[in-house]
Amino acid sequence: MGARVRRSDVAFVVASGVAHSLEEFVATAFLKVGLDWRDHVDYDPSLVRSSEIMYSLGDPTKSAKVLNWRYTVEFTEIVARMIRAEQEGANSI
């Protein structure tokens, strides 16, 4: 007999609860490969849309309370893992 799977409409946010800007992400990623992002990225403020999301922050409170889940990998390490995965292939994570 197969295992029974319980379906649920409950959703959980997996996030650190710490905000990082797109500029911080880009700067960190370029730094990890020894480059200054300002030498490689052009920014044109006229292309920013009025509907652009300027701030996004995940709230992990429910995941922490219900699942006892806490983030353990810091932002810079996540970026480093993303870079490594891109350089070496997805199996390197």
PDB file of N, CA and C in Angstrom:
ATOM      1  N   MET A   1       0.840  -1.166   0.000  1.00  0.00           N
ATOM      2  CA  MET A   1       0.000   0.000   0.000  1.00  0.00           C
ATOM      3  C   MET A   1       0.893   1.239   0.000  1.00  0.00           C
ATOM      4  N   GLY A   2       0.578   2.220  -0.811  1.00  0.00           N
ATOM      5  CA  GLY A   2       1.369   3.445  -0.929  1.00  0.00           C
ATOM      6  C   GLY A   2       1.183   4.380   0.254  1.00  0.00           C
ATOM      7  N   ALA A   3       2.117   5.285   0.386  1.00  0.00           N
ATOM      8  CA  ALA A   3       2.030   6.271   1.462  1.00  0.00           C
ATOM      9  C   ALA A   3       0.918   7.268   1.166  1.00  0.00           C
ATOM     10  N   ARG A   4       0.272   7.728   2.180  1.00  0.00           N
ATOM     11  CA  ARG A   4      -0.789   8.726   2.019  1.00  0.00           C
ATOM     12  C   ARG A   4      -0.164  10.119   2.097  1.00  0.00           C
ATOM     13  N   VAL A   5      -0.560  10.949   1.212  1.00  0.00           N
ATOM     14  CA  VAL A   5      -0.070  12.321   1.185  1.00  0.00           C
ATOM     15  C   VAL A   5      -1.204  13.239   1.602  1.00  0.00           C
ATOM     16  N   ARG A   6      -0.940  14.059   2.581  1.00  0.00           N
ATOM     17  CA  ARG A   6      -1.940  15.017   3.051  1.00  0.00           C
ATOM     18  C   ARG A   6      -1.765  16.307   2.273  1.00  0.00           C
ATOM     19  N   ARG A   7      -2.796  16.748   1.622  1.00  0.00           N
ATOM     20  CA  ARG A   7      -2.757  18.000   0.868  1.00  0.00           C
ATOM     21  C   ARG A   7      -3.180  19.138   1.777  1.00  0.00           C
ATOM     22  N   SER A   8      -2.552  20.272   1.581  1.00  0.00           N
ATOM     23  CA  SER A   8      -2.859  21.419   2.420  1.00  0.00           C
ATOM     24  C   SER A   8      -2.748  22.696   1.605  1.00  0.00           C
ATOM     25  N   ASP A   9      -3.543  23.661   1.951  1.00  0.00           N
ATOM     26  CA  ASP A   9      -3.469  24.960   1.295  1.00  0.00           C
ATOM     27  C   ASP A   9      -2.579  25.926   2.080  1.00  0.00           C
ATOM     28  N   VAL A  10      -1.899  25.426   3.075  1.00  0.00           N
ATOM     29  CA  VAL A  10      -1.036  26.259   3.895  1.00  0.00           C
ATOM     30  C   VAL A  10       0.251  26.542   3.128  1.00  0.00           C
ATOM     31  N   ALA A  11       0.625  27.812   3.085  1.00  0.00           N
ATOM     32  CA  ALA A  11       1.856  28.214   2.399  1.00  0.00           C
ATOM     33  C   ALA A  11       2.840  28.781   3.413  1.00  0.00           C
ATOM     34  N   PHE A  12       4.096  28.553   3.156  1.00  0.00           N
ATOM     35  CA  PHE A  12       5.145  29.059   4.020  1.00  0.00           C
ATOM     36  C   PHE A  12       6.136  29.875   3.202  1.00  0.00           C
ATOM     37  N   VAL A  13       6.611  30.954   3.777  1.00  0.00           N
ATOM     38  CA  VAL A  13       7.620  31.796   3.140  1.00  0.00           C
ATOM     39  C   VAL A  13       8.981  31.354   3.651  1.00  0.00           C
ATOM     40  N   VAL A  14       9.872  31.057   2.720  1.00  0.00           N
ATOM     41  CA  VAL A  14      11.246  30.714   3.068  1.00  0.00           C
ATOM     42  C   VAL A  14      12.077  31.950   2.766  1.00  0.00           C
ATOM     43  N   ALA A  15      12.481  32.649   3.806  1.00  0.00           N
ATOM     44  CA  ALA A  15      13.205  33.912   3.658  1.00  0.00           C
ATOM     45  C   ALA A  15      13.985  34.188   4.934  1.00  0.00           C
ATOM     46  N   SER A  16      14.943  35.089   4.826  1.00  0.00           N
ATOM     47  CA  SER A  16      15.731  35.442   6.001  1.00  0.00           C
ATOM     48  C   SER A  16      15.064  36.527   6.834  1.00  0.00           C
ATOM     49  N   GLY A  17      14.211  37.319   6.192  1.00  0.00           N
ATOM     50  CA  GLY A  17      13.638  38.462   6.870  1.00  0.00           C
ATOM     51  C   GLY A  17      14.565  39.668   6.853  1.00  0.00           C
ATOM     52  N   VAL A  18      15.653  39.557   6.098  1.00  0.00           N
ATOM     53  CA  VAL A  18      16.629  40.634   5.961  1.00  0.00           C
ATOM     54  C   VAL A  18      16.591  41.128   4.520  1.00  0.00           C
ATOM     55  N   ALA A  19      16.415  42.423   4.333  1.00  0.00           N
ATOM     56  CA  ALA A  19      16.311  42.988   2.987  1.00  0.00           C
ATOM     57  C   ALA A  19      17.694  43.267   2.397  1.00  0.00           C
ATOM     58  N   HIS A  20      17.802  43.034   1.091  1.00  0.00           N
ATOM     59  CA  HIS A  20      19.004  43.369   0.329  1.00  0.00           C
ATOM     60  C   HIS A  20      18.545  43.995  -0.976  1.00  0.00           C
ATOM     61  N   SER A  21      19.216  45.040  -1.380  1.00  0.00           N
ATOM     62  CA  SER A  21      18.846  45.714  -2.624  1.00  0.00           C
ATOM     63  C   SER A  21      19.403  44.954  -3.828  1.00  0.00           C
ATOM     64  N   LEU A  22      18.834  45.238  -4.984  1.00  0.00           N
ATOM     65  CA  LEU A  22      19.347  44.656  -6.217  1.00  0.00           C
ATOM     66  C   LEU A  22      20.795  45.100  -6.426  1.00  0.00           C
ATOM     67  N   GLU A  23      21.076  46.356  -6.103  1.00  0.00           N
ATOM     68  CA  GLU A  23      22.457  46.854  -6.238  1.00  0.00           C
ATOM     69  C   GLU A  23      23.412  46.059  -5.341  1.00  0.00           C
ATOM     70  N   GLU A  24      22.984  45.752  -4.129  1.00  0.00           N
ATOM     71  CA  GLU A  24      23.824  44.967  -3.220  1.00  0.00           C
ATOM     72  C   GLU A  24      24.062  43.564  -3.778  1.00  0.00           C
ATOM     73  N   PHE A  25      23.013  42.961  -4.346  1.00  0.00           N
ATOM     74  CA  PHE A  25      23.158  41.634  -4.949  1.00  0.00           C
ATOM     75  C   PHE A  25      24.152  41.670  -6.109  1.00  0.00           C
ATOM     76  N   VAL A  26      23.970  42.648  -6.996  1.00  0.00           N
ATOM     77  CA  VAL A  26      24.847  42.758  -8.167  1.00  0.00           C
ATOM     78  C   VAL A  26      26.288  43.024  -7.729  1.00  0.00           C
ATOM     79  N   ALA A  27      26.477  43.953  -6.794  1.00  0.00           N
ATOM     80  CA  ALA A  27      27.822  44.276  -6.311  1.00  0.00           C
ATOM     81  C   ALA A  27      28.485  43.046  -5.692  1.00  0.00           C
ATOM     82  N   THR A  28      27.734  42.293  -4.901  1.00  0.00           N
ATOM     83  CA  THR A  28      28.269  41.098  -4.255  1.00  0.00           C
ATOM     84  C   THR A  28      28.643  40.045  -5.291  1.00  0.00           C
ATOM     85  N   ALA A  29      27.779  39.830  -6.277  1.00  0.00           N
ATOM     86  CA  ALA A  29      28.051  38.834  -7.313  1.00  0.00           C
ATOM     87  C   ALA A  29      29.301  39.198  -8.117  1.00  0.00           C
ATOM     88  N   PHE A  30      29.417  40.436  -8.521  1.00  0.00           N
ATOM     89  CA  PHE A  30      30.583  40.857  -9.290  1.00  0.00           C
ATOM     90  C   PHE A  30      31.851  40.764  -8.443  1.00  0.00           C
ATOM     91  N   LEU A  31      31.756  41.141  -7.175  1.00  0.00           N
ATOM     92  CA  LEU A  31      32.906  41.075  -6.281  1.00  0.00           C
ATOM     93  C   LEU A  31      33.406  39.640  -6.142  1.00  0.00           C
ATOM     94  N   LYS A  32      32.474  38.686  -6.102  1.00  0.00           N
ATOM     95  CA  LYS A  32      32.846  37.272  -5.967  1.00  0.00           C
ATOM     96  C   LYS A  32      33.677  36.772  -7.139  1.00  0.00           C
ATOM     97  N   VAL A  33      33.567  37.440  -8.288  1.00  0.00           N
ATOM     98  CA  VAL A  33      34.377  37.044  -9.447  1.00  0.00           C
ATOM     99  C   VAL A  33      35.459  38.084  -9.751  1.00  0.00           C
ATOM    100  N   GLY A  34      35.713  38.954  -8.778  1.00  0.00           N
ATOM    101  CA  GLY A  34      36.815  39.888  -8.883  1.00  0.00           C
ATOM    102  C   GLY A  34      36.594  41.092  -9.784  1.00  0.00           C
ATOM    103  N   LEU A  35      35.334  41.488  -9.940  1.00  0.00           N
ATOM    104  CA  LEU A  35      35.019  42.617 -10.816  1.00  0.00           C
ATOM    105  C   LEU A  35      34.257  43.693 -10.060  1.00  0.00           C
ATOM    106  N   ASP A  36      34.361  44.920 -10.557  1.00  0.00           N
ATOM    107  CA  ASP A  36      33.564  46.031 -10.041  1.00  0.00           C
ATOM    108  C   ASP A  36      32.353  46.165 -10.953  1.00  0.00           C
ATOM    109  N   TRP A  37      31.165  45.994 -10.403  1.00  0.00           N
ATOM    110  CA  TRP A  37      29.948  45.981 -11.219  1.00  0.00           C
ATOM    111  C   TRP A  37      29.779  47.268 -12.004  1.00  0.00           C
ATOM    112  N   ARG A  38      30.260  48.385 -11.461  1.00  0.00           N
ATOM    113  CA  ARG A  38      30.084  49.674 -12.138  1.00  0.00           C
ATOM    114  C   ARG A  38      30.840  49.752 -13.457  1.00  0.00           C
ATOM    115  N   ASP A  39      31.836  48.882 -13.627  1.00  0.00           N
ATOM    116  CA  ASP A  39      32.577  48.839 -14.890  1.00  0.00           C
ATOM    117  C   ASP A  39      31.856  47.998 -15.949  1.00  0.00           C
ATOM    118  N   HIS A  40      30.783  47.307 -15.580  1.00  0.00           N
ATOM    119  CA  HIS A  40      30.137  46.352 -16.487  1.00  0.00           C
ATOM    120  C   HIS A  40      28.629  46.512 -16.630  1.00  0.00           C
ATOM    121  N   VAL A  41      28.016  47.340 -15.802  1.00  0.00           N
ATOM    122  CA  VAL A  41      26.558  47.488 -15.812  1.00  0.00           C
ATOM    123  C   VAL A  41      26.197  48.934 -16.124  1.00  0.00           C
ATOM    124  N   ASP A  42      25.320  49.107 -17.090  1.00  0.00           N
ATOM    125  CA  ASP A  42      24.791  50.430 -17.396  1.00  0.00           C
ATOM    126  C   ASP A  42      23.423  50.569 -16.737  1.00  0.00           C
ATOM    127  N   TYR A  43      23.158  51.722 -16.176  1.00  0.00           N
ATOM    128  CA  TYR A  43      21.878  51.978 -15.527  1.00  0.00           C
ATOM    129  C   TYR A  43      21.279  53.234 -16.130  1.00  0.00           C
ATOM    130  N   ASP A  44      20.060  53.111 -16.613  1.00  0.00           N
ATOM    131  CA  ASP A  44      19.362  54.250 -17.198  1.00  0.00           C
ATOM    132  C   ASP A  44      18.084  54.478 -16.403  1.00  0.00           C
ATOM    133  N   PRO A  45      18.053  55.516 -15.556  1.00  0.00           N
ATOM    134  CA  PRO A  45      16.870  55.749 -14.721  1.00  0.00           C
ATOM    135  C   PRO A  45      15.595  55.989 -15.522  1.00  0.00           C
ATOM    136  N   SER A  46      15.723  56.388 -16.769  1.00  0.00           N
ATOM    137  CA  SER A  46      14.526  56.615 -17.583  1.00  0.00           C
ATOM    138  C   SER A  46      13.806  55.309 -17.914  1.00  0.00           C
ATOM    139  N   LEU A  47      14.493  54.182 -17.718  1.00  0.00           N
ATOM    140  CA  LEU A  47      13.891  52.883 -18.014  1.00  0.00           C
ATOM    141  C   LEU A  47      13.179  52.262 -16.811  1.00  0.00           C
ATOM    142  N   VAL A  48      13.261  52.905 -15.658  1.00  0.00           N
ATOM    143  CA  VAL A  48      12.585  52.398 -14.465  1.00  0.00           C
ATOM    144  C   VAL A  48      11.080  52.611 -14.625  1.00  0.00           C
ATOM    145  N   ARG A  49      10.327  51.523 -14.454  1.00  0.00           N
ATOM    146  CA  ARG A  49       8.877  51.596 -14.600  1.00  0.00           C
ATOM    147  C   ARG A  49       8.241  52.107 -13.312  1.00  0.00           C
ATOM    148  N   SER A  50       7.122  52.781 -13.443  1.00  0.00           N
ATOM    149  CA  SER A  50       6.417  53.269 -12.252  1.00  0.00           C
ATOM    150  C   SER A  50       5.883  52.110 -11.415  1.00  0.00           C
ATOM    151  N   SER A  51       5.690  50.960 -12.029  1.00  0.00           N
ATOM    152  CA  SER A  51       5.184  49.792 -11.303  1.00  0.00           C
ATOM    153  C   SER A  51       6.317  48.914 -10.769  1.00  0.00           C
ATOM    154  N   GLU A  52       7.545  49.371 -10.891  1.00  0.00           N
ATOM    155  CA  GLU A  52       8.700  48.599 -10.435  1.00  0.00           C
ATOM    156  C   GLU A  52       8.621  48.332  -8.936  1.00  0.00           C
ATOM    157  N   ILE A  53       8.941  47.120  -8.528  1.00  0.00           N
ATOM    158  CA  ILE A  53       8.976  46.789  -7.107  1.00  0.00           C
ATOM    159  C   ILE A  53      10.257  47.379  -6.544  1.00  0.00           C
ATOM    160  N   MET A  54      10.121  48.333  -5.654  1.00  0.00           N
ATOM    161  CA  MET A  54      11.290  49.015  -5.108  1.00  0.00           C
ATOM    162  C   MET A  54      11.784  48.358  -3.824  1.00  0.00           C
ATOM    163  N   TYR A  55      10.931  47.566  -3.193  1.00  0.00           N
ATOM    164  CA  TYR A  55      11.294  46.961  -1.922  1.00  0.00           C
ATOM    165  C   TYR A  55      10.554  45.642  -1.791  1.00  0.00           C
ATOM    166  N   SER A  56      11.266  44.605  -1.465  1.00  0.00           N
ATOM    167  CA  SER A  56      10.647  43.302  -1.280  1.00  0.00           C
ATOM    168  C   SER A  56      11.342  42.604  -0.109  1.00  0.00           C
ATOM    169  N   LEU A  57      10.541  42.111   0.813  1.00  0.00           N
ATOM    170  CA  LEU A  57      11.100  41.472   1.998  1.00  0.00           C
ATOM    171  C   LEU A  57      10.193  40.330   2.412  1.00  0.00           C
ATOM    172  N   GLY A  58      10.755  39.127   2.501  1.00  0.00           N
ATOM    173  CA  GLY A  58       9.985  37.970   2.926  1.00  0.00           C
ATOM    174  C   GLY A  58       9.906  37.886   4.440  1.00  0.00           C
ATOM    175  N   ASP A  59       8.738  37.542   4.953  1.00  0.00           N
ATOM    176  CA  ASP A  59       8.526  37.413   6.392  1.00  0.00           C
ATOM    177  C   ASP A  59       8.490  35.928   6.764  1.00  0.00           C
ATOM    178  N   PRO A  60       9.543  35.425   7.400  1.00  0.00           N
ATOM    179  CA  PRO A  60       9.609  34.001   7.734  1.00  0.00           C
ATOM    180  C   PRO A  60       8.957  33.630   9.065  1.00  0.00           C
ATOM    181  N   THR A  61       8.176  34.527   9.658  1.00  0.00           N
ATOM    182  CA  THR A  61       7.598  34.306  10.991  1.00  0.00           C
ATOM    183  C   THR A  61       6.802  33.008  11.071  1.00  0.00           C
ATOM    184  N   LYS A  62       5.931  32.773  10.095  1.00  0.00           N
ATOM    185  CA  LYS A  62       5.093  31.575  10.116  1.00  0.00           C
ATOM    186  C   LYS A  62       5.947  30.307   9.998  1.00  0.00           C
ATOM    187  N   SER A  63       6.950  30.341   9.119  1.00  0.00           N
ATOM    188  CA  SER A  63       7.843  29.180   8.971  1.00  0.00           C
ATOM    189  C   SER A  63       8.599  28.908  10.269  1.00  0.00           C
ATOM    190  N   ALA A  64       9.003  29.966  10.942  1.00  0.00           N
ATOM    191  CA  ALA A  64       9.726  29.811  12.197  1.00  0.00           C
ATOM    192  C   ALA A  64       8.824  29.223  13.285  1.00  0.00           C
ATOM    193  N   LYS A  65       7.601  29.737  13.385  1.00  0.00           N
ATOM    194  CA  LYS A  65       6.677  29.276  14.440  1.00  0.00           C
ATOM    195  C   LYS A  65       6.172  27.860  14.190  1.00  0.00           C
ATOM    196  N   VAL A  66       5.715  27.595  12.966  1.00  0.00           N
ATOM    197  CA  VAL A  66       5.063  26.315  12.680  1.00  0.00           C
ATOM    198  C   VAL A  66       6.066  25.204  12.386  1.00  0.00           C
ATOM    199  N   LEU A  67       7.102  25.525  11.623  1.00  0.00           N
ATOM    200  CA  LEU A  67       8.058  24.507  11.193  1.00  0.00           C
ATOM    201  C   LEU A  67       9.361  24.522  11.993  1.00  0.00           C
ATOM    202  N   ASN A  68       9.494  25.523  12.863  1.00  0.00           N
ATOM    203  CA  ASN A  68      10.744  25.727  13.592  1.00  0.00           C
ATOM    204  C   ASN A  68      11.920  25.883  12.616  1.00  0.00           C
ATOM    205  N   TRP A  69      11.653  26.564  11.504  1.00  0.00           N
ATOM    206  CA  TRP A  69      12.660  26.781  10.457  1.00  0.00           C
ATOM    207  C   TRP A  69      13.319  28.134  10.636  1.00  0.00           C
ATOM    208  N   ARG A  70      14.623  28.169  10.514  1.00  0.00           N
ATOM    209  CA  ARG A  70      15.394  29.409  10.556  1.00  0.00           C
ATOM    210  C   ARG A  70      16.412  29.356   9.423  1.00  0.00           C
ATOM    211  N   TYR A  71      16.696  30.496   8.838  1.00  0.00           N
ATOM    212  CA  TYR A  71      17.714  30.501   7.789  1.00  0.00           C
ATOM    213  C   TYR A  71      19.089  30.314   8.430  1.00  0.00           C
ATOM    214  N   THR A  72      19.953  29.640   7.717  1.00  0.00           N
ATOM    215  CA  THR A  72      21.297  29.378   8.236  1.00  0.00           C
ATOM    216  C   THR A  72      22.390  29.833   7.287  1.00  0.00           C
ATOM    217  N   VAL A  73      22.015  30.197   6.076  1.00  0.00           N
ATOM    218  CA  VAL A  73      23.002  30.611   5.078  1.00  0.00           C
ATOM    219  C   VAL A  73      22.858  32.113   4.862  1.00  0.00           C
ATOM    220  N   GLU A  74      23.945  32.833   5.066  1.00  0.00           N
ATOM    221  CA  GLU A  74      23.934  34.289   4.926  1.00  0.00           C
ATOM    222  C   GLU A  74      23.881  34.695   3.449  1.00  0.00           C
ATOM    223  N   PHE A  75      23.453  35.913   3.217  1.00  0.00           N
ATOM    224  CA  PHE A  75      23.286  36.482   1.879  1.00  0.00           C
ATOM    225  C   PHE A  75      24.521  36.294   1.003  1.00  0.00           C
ATOM    226  N   THR A  76      25.690  36.672   1.505  1.00  0.00           N
ATOM    227  CA  THR A  76      26.902  36.580   0.674  1.00  0.00           C
ATOM    228  C   THR A  76      27.217  35.133   0.303  1.00  0.00           C
ATOM    229  N   GLU A  77      26.916  34.190   1.185  1.00  0.00           N
ATOM    230  CA  GLU A  77      27.153  32.780   0.875  1.00  0.00           C
ATOM    231  C   GLU A  77      26.154  32.279  -0.168  1.00  0.00           C
ATOM    232  N   ILE A  78      24.926  32.748  -0.114  1.00  0.00           N
ATOM    233  CA  ILE A  78      23.945  32.363  -1.140  1.00  0.00           C
ATOM    234  C   ILE A  78      24.413  32.850  -2.511  1.00  0.00           C
ATOM    235  N   VAL A  79      24.876  34.089  -2.560  1.00  0.00           N
ATOM    236  CA  VAL A  79      25.382  34.635  -3.828  1.00  0.00           C
ATOM    237  C   VAL A  79      26.589  33.818  -4.296  1.00  0.00           C
ATOM    238  N   ALA A  80      27.497  33.496  -3.385  1.00  0.00           N
ATOM    239  CA  ALA A  80      28.678  32.699  -3.735  1.00  0.00           C
ATOM    240  C   ALA A  80      28.271  31.336  -4.286  1.00  0.00           C
ATOM    241  N   ARG A  81      27.266  30.710  -3.690  1.00  0.00           N
ATOM    242  CA  ARG A  81      26.794  29.399  -4.166  1.00  0.00           C
ATOM    243  C   ARG A  81      26.166  29.518  -5.554  1.00  0.00           C
ATOM    244  N   MET A  82      25.449  30.610  -5.786  1.00  0.00           N
ATOM    245  CA  MET A  82      24.851  30.827  -7.102  1.00  0.00           C
ATOM    246  C   MET A  82      25.943  30.969  -8.172  1.00  0.00           C
ATOM    247  N   ILE A  83      26.990  31.725  -7.842  1.00  0.00           N
ATOM    248  CA  ILE A  83      28.110  31.918  -8.766  1.00  0.00           C
ATOM    249  C   ILE A  83      28.792  30.576  -9.030  1.00  0.00           C
ATOM    250  N   ARG A  84      29.084  29.848  -7.961  1.00  0.00           N
ATOM    251  CA  ARG A  84      29.745  28.546  -8.088  1.00  0.00           C
ATOM    252  C   ARG A  84      28.909  27.582  -8.928  1.00  0.00           C
ATOM    253  N   ALA A  85      27.611  27.567  -8.698  1.00  0.00           N
ATOM    254  CA  ALA A  85      26.727  26.683  -9.464  1.00  0.00           C
ATOM    255  C   ALA A  85      26.755  27.042 -10.940  1.00  0.00           C
ATOM    256  N   GLU A  86      26.761  28.319 -11.242  1.00  0.00           N
ATOM    257  CA  GLU A  86      26.818  28.757 -12.633  1.00  0.00           C
ATOM    258  C   GLU A  86      28.145  28.376 -13.272  1.00  0.00           C
ATOM    259  N   GLN A  87      29.219  28.516 -12.523  1.00  0.00           N
ATOM    260  CA  GLN A  87      30.553  28.219 -13.056  1.00  0.00           C
ATOM    261  C   GLN A  87      30.801  26.714 -13.209  1.00  0.00           C
ATOM    262  N   GLU A  88      30.298  25.920 -12.272  1.00  0.00           N
ATOM    263  CA  GLU A  88      30.614  24.497 -12.234  1.00  0.00           C
ATOM    264  C   GLU A  88      29.463  23.590 -12.635  1.00  0.00           C
ATOM    265  N   GLY A  89      28.276  24.117 -12.701  1.00  0.00           N
ATOM    266  CA  GLY A  89      27.103  23.303 -12.982  1.00  0.00           C
ATOM    267  C   GLY A  89      26.286  23.134 -11.715  1.00  0.00           C
ATOM    268  N   ALA A  90      25.028  22.861 -11.864  1.00  0.00           N
ATOM    269  CA  ALA A  90      24.087  22.824 -10.734  1.00  0.00           C
ATOM    270  C   ALA A  90      24.453  21.786  -9.678  1.00  0.00           C
ATOM    271  N   ASN A  91      25.204  20.752 -10.013  1.00  0.00           N
ATOM    272  CA  ASN A  91      25.544  19.718  -9.027  1.00  0.00           C
ATOM    273  C   ASN A  91      26.562  20.192  -8.002  1.00  0.00           C
ATOM    274  N   SER A  92      27.126  21.380  -8.152  1.00  0.00           N
ATOM    275  CA  SER A  92      28.156  21.867  -7.242  1.00  0.00           C
ATOM    276  C   SER A  92      27.594  22.467  -5.967  1.00  0.00           C
ATOM    277  N   ILE A  93      26.289  22.673  -5.895  1.00  0.00           N
ATOM    278  CA  ILE A  93      25.692  23.348  -4.726  1.00  0.00           C
ATOM    279  C   ILE A  93      25.790  22.480  -3.564  1.00  0.00           C
TER     280      ILE A  93
END
